[in-house]
Amino acid sequence: MTDDGYFRESRFATLSAWGLTQMLKGAVYAAAFLLACGLLLWGLWALGQLLPPESKQAPSPYGAIEVPVERHIA
């Protein structure tokens, strides 16, 4: 068999393959992070659905800053 260079990669091909694998690895990490965030939010929503309806009826937390303004007309 002769060695015709079929299995040899050029420097550019090697660098391109390395860059592609690095980008794919980053995409997998980003997808895993988004999936974890989605699962966390879904878990919080599911926990909220298990609570009784009375726990969801609370006064506004902004009551202290929602002071009615009285205008004095002279």
Protein backbone atom coordinates (compact mmCIF):
# COMPACT_ATOMS: atom_id res chain seq x y z
CA MET A 1 0.00 0.00 0.00
CA THR A 2 1.18 3.42 -0.77
CA ASP A 3 0.76 6.35 1.56
CA ASP A 4 -1.12 8.90 -0.52
CA GLY A 5 -1.79 11.28 2.34
CA TYR A 6 -5.49 10.45 2.53
CA PHE A 7 -5.44 10.08 6.30
CA ARG A 8 -3.18 13.05 6.93
CA GLU A 9 -4.83 16.28 7.93
CA SER A 10 -3.47 19.68 7.16
CA ARG A 11 -2.90 22.19 9.91
CA PHE A 12 -5.97 24.14 8.80
CA ALA A 13 -8.19 21.04 8.95
CA THR A 14 -6.90 20.17 12.41
CA LEU A 15 -7.47 23.71 13.68
CA SER A 16 -10.93 23.83 12.11
CA ALA A 17 -11.90 20.53 13.74
CA TRP A 18 -10.64 21.75 17.10
CA GLY A 19 -12.59 25.01 16.79
CA LEU A 20 -15.75 23.15 15.81
CA THR A 21 -15.48 20.80 18.78
CA GLN A 22 -14.93 23.72 21.14
CA MET A 23 -18.01 25.52 19.80
CA LEU A 24 -20.09 22.35 20.05
CA LYS A 25 -18.91 21.82 23.61
CA GLY A 26 -19.97 25.37 24.48
CA ALA A 27 -23.35 24.81 22.85
CA VAL A 28 -23.87 21.65 24.91
CA TYR A 29 -22.93 23.53 28.11
CA ALA A 30 -25.37 26.33 27.24
CA ALA A 31 -28.15 23.84 26.49
CA ALA A 32 -27.53 22.06 29.79
CA PHE A 33 -27.62 25.38 31.66
CA LEU A 34 -30.89 26.40 30.00
CA LEU A 35 -32.40 22.99 30.71
CA ALA A 36 -31.38 23.27 34.38
CA CYS A 37 -32.92 26.76 34.63
CA GLY A 38 -36.11 25.51 32.98
CA LEU A 39 -36.34 22.55 35.35
CA LEU A 40 -35.82 24.83 38.34
CA LEU A 41 -38.56 27.20 37.20
CA TRP A 42 -40.89 24.29 36.42
CA GLY A 43 -40.21 22.87 39.90
CA LEU A 44 -41.07 26.18 41.54
CA TRP A 45 -44.28 26.41 39.50
CA ALA A 46 -45.22 22.83 40.44
CA LEU A 47 -44.56 23.58 44.11
CA GLY A 48 -46.78 26.66 43.86
CA GLN A 49 -49.57 24.53 42.39
CA LEU A 50 -49.44 22.24 45.44
CA LEU A 51 -50.06 25.13 47.84
CA PRO A 52 -53.62 25.83 48.96
CA PRO A 53 -55.42 28.74 47.25
CA GLU A 54 -55.55 30.71 50.52
CA SER A 55 -51.77 31.01 50.52
CA LYS A 56 -51.93 32.88 47.22
CA GLN A 57 -54.21 35.61 48.57
CA ALA A 58 -52.00 38.11 50.31
CA PRO A 59 -51.98 41.89 50.54
CA SER A 60 -49.74 43.75 48.15
CA PRO A 61 -46.12 43.97 49.35
CA TYR A 62 -46.07 47.52 47.99
CA GLY A 63 -48.72 48.78 50.39
CA ALA A 64 -46.27 50.97 52.27
CA ILE A 65 -45.30 52.94 49.17
CA GLU A 66 -48.80 53.18 47.71
CA VAL A 67 -49.92 56.05 49.91
CA PRO A 68 -52.93 57.98 48.63
CA VAL A 69 -52.13 61.56 47.76
CA GLU A 70 -54.52 64.19 49.09
CA ARG A 71 -54.78 67.39 47.12
CA HIS A 72 -55.84 70.54 48.88
CA ILE A 73 -57.76 72.78 46.56
CA ALA A 74 -57.91 76.36 47.78
